[in-house]
Structures are given as structure tokens and as C-alpha cells.
N, C-alpha and C. Protein backbone atom coordinates (compact mmCIF):
# COMPACT_ATOMS: atom_id res chain seq x y z
N UNK A 1 0.84 -1.16 0.00
CA UNK A 1 0.00 0.00 0.00
C UNK A 1 0.89 1.23 0.00
N UNK A 2 0.62 2.19 -0.85
CA UNK A 2 1.40 3.41 -0.93
C UNK A 2 0.52 4.58 -0.52
N UNK A 3 1.00 5.34 0.47
CA UNK A 3 0.28 6.52 0.91
C UNK A 3 0.91 7.75 0.29
N UNK A 4 0.12 8.77 0.00
CA UNK A 4 0.71 10.00 -0.52
C UNK A 4 1.58 10.65 0.55
N UNK A 5 2.74 11.14 0.16
CA UNK A 5 3.62 11.79 1.12
C UNK A 5 3.33 13.27 1.10
N UNK A 6 2.57 13.70 2.08
CA UNK A 6 2.25 15.11 2.26
C UNK A 6 2.63 15.46 3.69
N UNK A 7 2.47 16.72 4.06
CA UNK A 7 2.75 17.10 5.44
C UNK A 7 1.91 16.29 6.40
N UNK A 8 0.65 16.08 6.05
CA UNK A 8 -0.27 15.38 6.94
C UNK A 8 0.10 13.90 7.09
N UNK A 9 0.58 13.27 6.04
CA UNK A 9 0.83 11.83 6.07
C UNK A 9 2.31 11.48 5.99
N UNK A 10 3.17 12.41 6.37
CA UNK A 10 4.60 12.14 6.29
C UNK A 10 4.95 10.95 7.18
N UNK A 11 5.62 9.94 6.63
CA UNK A 11 5.91 8.71 7.35
C UNK A 11 7.37 8.64 7.74
N UNK A 12 7.63 8.08 8.89
CA UNK A 12 8.98 7.85 9.34
C UNK A 12 9.12 6.39 9.70
N UNK A 13 10.09 5.71 9.11
CA UNK A 13 10.37 4.32 9.45
C UNK A 13 11.86 4.23 9.76
N UNK A 14 12.19 3.54 10.81
CA UNK A 14 13.59 3.43 11.15
C UNK A 14 13.84 2.15 11.92
N UNK A 15 15.00 1.57 11.69
CA UNK A 15 15.44 0.41 12.45
C UNK A 15 16.61 0.87 13.30
N UNK A 16 16.56 0.52 14.56
CA UNK A 16 17.61 0.91 15.48
C UNK A 16 17.93 -0.27 16.38
N UNK A 17 19.08 -0.24 17.01
CA UNK A 17 19.44 -1.27 17.97
C UNK A 17 19.70 -0.61 19.31
N UNK A 18 19.24 -1.25 20.34
CA UNK A 18 19.49 -0.80 21.69
C UNK A 18 20.19 -1.93 22.44
N UNK A 19 21.04 -1.57 23.36
CA UNK A 19 21.75 -2.57 24.15
C UNK A 19 21.18 -2.58 25.56
N UNK A 20 20.78 -3.75 26.02
CA UNK A 20 20.34 -3.92 27.40
C UNK A 20 21.49 -4.56 28.17
N UNK A 21 21.79 -4.00 29.32
CA UNK A 21 22.84 -4.55 30.18
C UNK A 21 22.27 -4.82 31.57
N UNK A 22 22.58 -5.98 32.09
CA UNK A 22 22.14 -6.37 33.42
C UNK A 22 23.36 -6.88 34.18
N UNK A 23 23.53 -6.38 35.40
CA UNK A 23 24.66 -6.82 36.24
C UNK A 23 24.11 -7.71 37.35
N UNK A 24 24.70 -8.90 37.47
CA UNK A 24 24.36 -9.83 38.54
C UNK A 24 25.02 -9.32 39.82
N UNK A 25 24.22 -8.94 40.82
CA UNK A 25 24.76 -8.39 42.07
C UNK A 25 25.64 -9.40 42.81
N UNK A 26 25.32 -10.66 42.72
CA UNK A 26 26.08 -11.68 43.45
C UNK A 26 27.46 -11.91 42.85
N UNK A 27 27.51 -12.03 41.53
CA UNK A 27 28.78 -12.37 40.86
C UNK A 27 29.47 -11.15 40.26
N UNK A 28 28.74 -10.07 40.06
CA UNK A 28 29.30 -8.89 39.42
C UNK A 28 29.40 -9.03 37.91
N UNK A 29 28.96 -10.15 37.39
CA UNK A 29 29.03 -10.40 35.95
C UNK A 29 27.97 -9.56 35.21
N UNK A 30 28.35 -9.01 34.04
CA UNK A 30 27.46 -8.19 33.23
C UNK A 30 27.00 -8.99 32.02
N UNK A 31 25.70 -8.99 31.80
CA UNK A 31 25.12 -9.66 30.63
C UNK A 31 24.60 -8.58 29.70
N UNK A 32 24.92 -8.71 28.41
CA UNK A 32 24.49 -7.73 27.39
C UNK A 32 23.71 -8.43 26.29
N UNK A 33 22.75 -7.70 25.77
CA UNK A 33 21.98 -8.20 24.63
C UNK A 33 21.64 -7.04 23.72
N UNK A 34 21.92 -7.21 22.42
CA UNK A 34 21.52 -6.21 21.43
C UNK A 34 20.06 -6.45 21.07
N UNK A 35 19.27 -5.40 21.12
CA UNK A 35 17.84 -5.50 20.86
C UNK A 35 17.47 -4.67 19.64
N UNK A 36 17.21 -5.32 18.48
CA UNK A 36 16.77 -4.56 17.31
C UNK A 36 15.34 -4.06 17.53
N UNK A 37 15.12 -2.80 17.23
CA UNK A 37 13.80 -2.18 17.40
C UNK A 37 13.47 -1.42 16.11
N UNK A 38 12.29 -1.67 15.58
CA UNK A 38 11.78 -0.91 14.44
C UNK A 38 10.74 0.07 14.97
N UNK A 39 10.72 1.26 14.37
CA UNK A 39 9.61 2.14 14.70
C UNK A 39 9.05 2.77 13.44
N UNK A 40 7.75 3.02 13.49
CA UNK A 40 6.98 3.54 12.37
C UNK A 40 6.13 4.67 12.93
N UNK A 41 6.23 5.85 12.35
CA UNK A 41 5.56 7.00 12.91
C UNK A 41 4.76 7.72 11.84
N UNK A 42 3.53 8.10 12.19
CA UNK A 42 2.70 8.96 11.35
C UNK A 42 2.15 10.07 12.24
N UNK A 43 1.29 10.90 11.68
CA UNK A 43 0.64 11.94 12.48
C UNK A 43 -0.35 11.35 13.47
N UNK A 44 -0.71 10.07 13.29
CA UNK A 44 -1.73 9.44 14.13
C UNK A 44 -1.19 8.50 15.20
N UNK A 45 -0.01 7.93 14.99
CA UNK A 45 0.50 6.96 15.96
C UNK A 45 2.00 6.75 15.82
N UNK A 46 2.56 6.10 16.83
CA UNK A 46 3.94 5.63 16.83
C UNK A 46 3.89 4.16 17.19
N UNK A 47 4.46 3.30 16.34
CA UNK A 47 4.47 1.86 16.60
C UNK A 47 5.91 1.39 16.79
N UNK A 48 6.17 0.73 17.91
CA UNK A 48 7.48 0.13 18.18
C UNK A 48 7.34 -1.38 18.02
N UNK A 49 8.29 -2.00 17.33
CA UNK A 49 8.27 -3.45 17.10
C UNK A 49 9.62 -4.04 17.47
N UNK A 50 9.58 -5.20 18.06
CA UNK A 50 10.79 -5.92 18.40
C UNK A 50 10.46 -7.37 18.68
N UNK A 51 11.41 -8.09 19.23
CA UNK A 51 11.20 -9.50 19.57
C UNK A 51 11.05 -9.66 21.07
N UNK A 52 10.17 -10.57 21.48
CA UNK A 52 10.08 -10.87 22.89
C UNK A 52 11.03 -12.03 23.22
N UNK A 53 10.97 -12.55 24.42
CA UNK A 53 11.95 -13.54 24.88
C UNK A 53 11.96 -14.82 24.05
N UNK A 54 10.82 -15.22 23.48
CA UNK A 54 10.80 -16.45 22.68
C UNK A 54 11.06 -16.20 21.20
N UNK A 55 11.40 -14.96 20.85
CA UNK A 55 11.76 -14.65 19.47
C UNK A 55 10.61 -14.24 18.58
N UNK A 56 9.39 -14.25 19.10
CA UNK A 56 8.25 -13.82 18.28
C UNK A 56 8.12 -12.30 18.35
N UNK A 57 7.42 -11.74 17.36
CA UNK A 57 7.29 -10.28 17.24
C UNK A 57 6.38 -9.74 18.33
N UNK A 58 6.80 -8.65 18.92
CA UNK A 58 6.00 -7.95 19.92
C UNK A 58 5.92 -6.49 19.49
N UNK A 59 4.73 -5.90 19.61
CA UNK A 59 4.53 -4.52 19.18
C UNK A 59 3.74 -3.74 20.23
N UNK A 60 4.01 -2.44 20.28
CA UNK A 60 3.23 -1.54 21.12
C UNK A 60 2.96 -0.29 20.30
N UNK A 61 1.75 0.23 20.42
CA UNK A 61 1.34 1.40 19.64
C UNK A 61 0.93 2.51 20.59
N UNK A 62 1.43 3.71 20.32
CA UNK A 62 1.05 4.91 21.07
C UNK A 62 0.29 5.81 20.10
N UNK A 63 -0.94 6.17 20.46
CA UNK A 63 -1.75 7.03 19.61
C UNK A 63 -1.58 8.49 20.01
N UNK A 64 -1.54 9.37 19.01
CA UNK A 64 -1.57 10.81 19.26
C UNK A 64 -3.02 11.19 19.54
N UNK A 65 -3.27 12.37 20.10
CA UNK A 65 -4.66 12.80 20.29
C UNK A 65 -5.46 12.77 18.98
N UNK A 66 -4.82 13.16 17.90
CA UNK A 66 -5.47 13.11 16.58
C UNK A 66 -5.80 11.67 16.19
N UNK A 67 -4.88 10.76 16.45
CA UNK A 67 -5.11 9.35 16.14
C UNK A 67 -6.26 8.76 16.93
N UNK A 68 -6.38 9.15 18.20
CA UNK A 68 -7.49 8.69 19.03
C UNK A 68 -8.82 9.15 18.43
N UNK A 69 -8.87 10.41 18.00
CA UNK A 69 -10.10 10.93 17.40
C UNK A 69 -10.44 10.18 16.11
N UNK A 70 -9.44 9.85 15.32
CA UNK A 70 -9.70 9.10 14.08
C UNK A 70 -10.21 7.70 14.36
N UNK A 71 -9.65 7.04 15.37
CA UNK A 71 -10.14 5.71 15.74
C UNK A 71 -11.59 5.81 16.20
N UNK A 72 -11.92 6.82 16.98
CA UNK A 72 -13.32 7.01 17.40
C UNK A 72 -14.22 7.19 16.19
N UNK A 73 -13.77 8.00 15.22
CA UNK A 73 -14.58 8.24 14.02
C UNK A 73 -14.86 6.96 13.25
N UNK A 74 -13.83 6.15 13.01
CA UNK A 74 -14.05 4.96 12.16
C UNK A 74 -14.77 3.84 12.90
N UNK A 75 -14.85 3.93 14.23
CA UNK A 75 -15.59 2.92 14.99
C UNK A 75 -16.98 3.40 15.37
N UNK A 76 -17.38 4.59 14.87
CA UNK A 76 -18.72 5.09 15.12
C UNK A 76 -18.90 5.77 16.46
N UNK A 77 -17.82 6.08 17.15
CA UNK A 77 -17.93 6.71 18.46
C UNK A 77 -17.50 8.17 18.44
N UNK A 78 -17.27 8.70 17.25
CA UNK A 78 -16.85 10.10 17.12
C UNK A 78 -18.03 11.05 17.13
N UNK A 79 -17.74 12.29 16.82
CA UNK A 79 -18.79 13.30 16.77
C UNK A 79 -19.80 12.95 15.69
N UNK A 80 -21.05 13.25 15.93
CA UNK A 80 -22.11 12.91 14.99
C UNK A 80 -22.45 14.11 14.12
N UNK A 81 -21.44 14.60 13.39
CA UNK A 81 -21.69 15.67 12.43
C UNK A 81 -20.69 15.55 11.28
N UNK A 82 -21.02 16.21 10.20
CA UNK A 82 -20.22 16.17 8.98
C UNK A 82 -19.12 17.22 9.06
N UNK A 83 -17.87 16.80 9.14
CA UNK A 83 -16.76 17.74 9.24
C UNK A 83 -16.49 18.47 7.92
N UNK A 84 -16.78 17.80 6.82
CA UNK A 84 -16.47 18.35 5.49
C UNK A 84 -17.58 19.26 4.97
N UNK A 85 -18.78 19.03 5.38
CA UNK A 85 -19.91 19.77 4.84
C UNK A 85 -20.31 19.16 3.50
N UNK A 86 -21.58 18.95 3.30
CA UNK A 86 -22.03 18.42 2.02
C UNK A 86 -22.10 16.92 1.95
N UNK A 87 -21.69 16.20 2.99
CA UNK A 87 -21.75 14.74 2.97
C UNK A 87 -22.89 14.21 3.81
N UNK A 88 -23.71 15.09 4.34
CA UNK A 88 -24.82 14.67 5.19
C UNK A 88 -25.95 14.06 4.38
N UNK A 89 -26.83 13.37 5.07
CA UNK A 89 -27.99 12.78 4.42
C UNK A 89 -29.09 13.82 4.33
N UNK A 90 -29.75 13.85 3.19
CA UNK A 90 -30.83 14.84 2.99
C UNK A 90 -32.16 14.16 2.92
């Protein structure tokens, strides 16, 4: 699917790696793990993707206030009026 790239729909996709370090208090040994993280950002949400402990994909999505309003609209819980004008039933 290709979305038009405008100011409103400008997309950001990036792959990054983060390092997690844990020190065992008893032994003093440090364990490190590289964690690849993908993120996808629009004006409506930010989605972070990575792997969980068993290697399967895990994702979390953060909605912007605008994104929350759009979800309400498409699920029928938004405002009950025509934002564009001219699309109402006559």
C-alpha cells in the first residue's frame, strides 16, 4: 500500500538497535543483549516493534490525540456531524 507523502501523512520508518545490560549483584558479571527495534511514525501513531523472549514479534502502539479521534470516528464513536460539509444525508 502506498500513501501520498504530504505534510499530513509524512511517514517515518527506522530500524535501530538498543543494548540492554544487566549486572548480577552476586557475581558482578554483566550480561548484554543487542535489541533490534523498528519504529513507524505517522501523524496518528507511533508503533514500536521488536522481539520478545521467545523470538516472536512484539509490538506496542502509542496514539496521538489526533489518532485517538480518528479511531473514534471509524468505529462510530466520534462526533455525529459532517466535518467536510455536504456529505450529510438529505
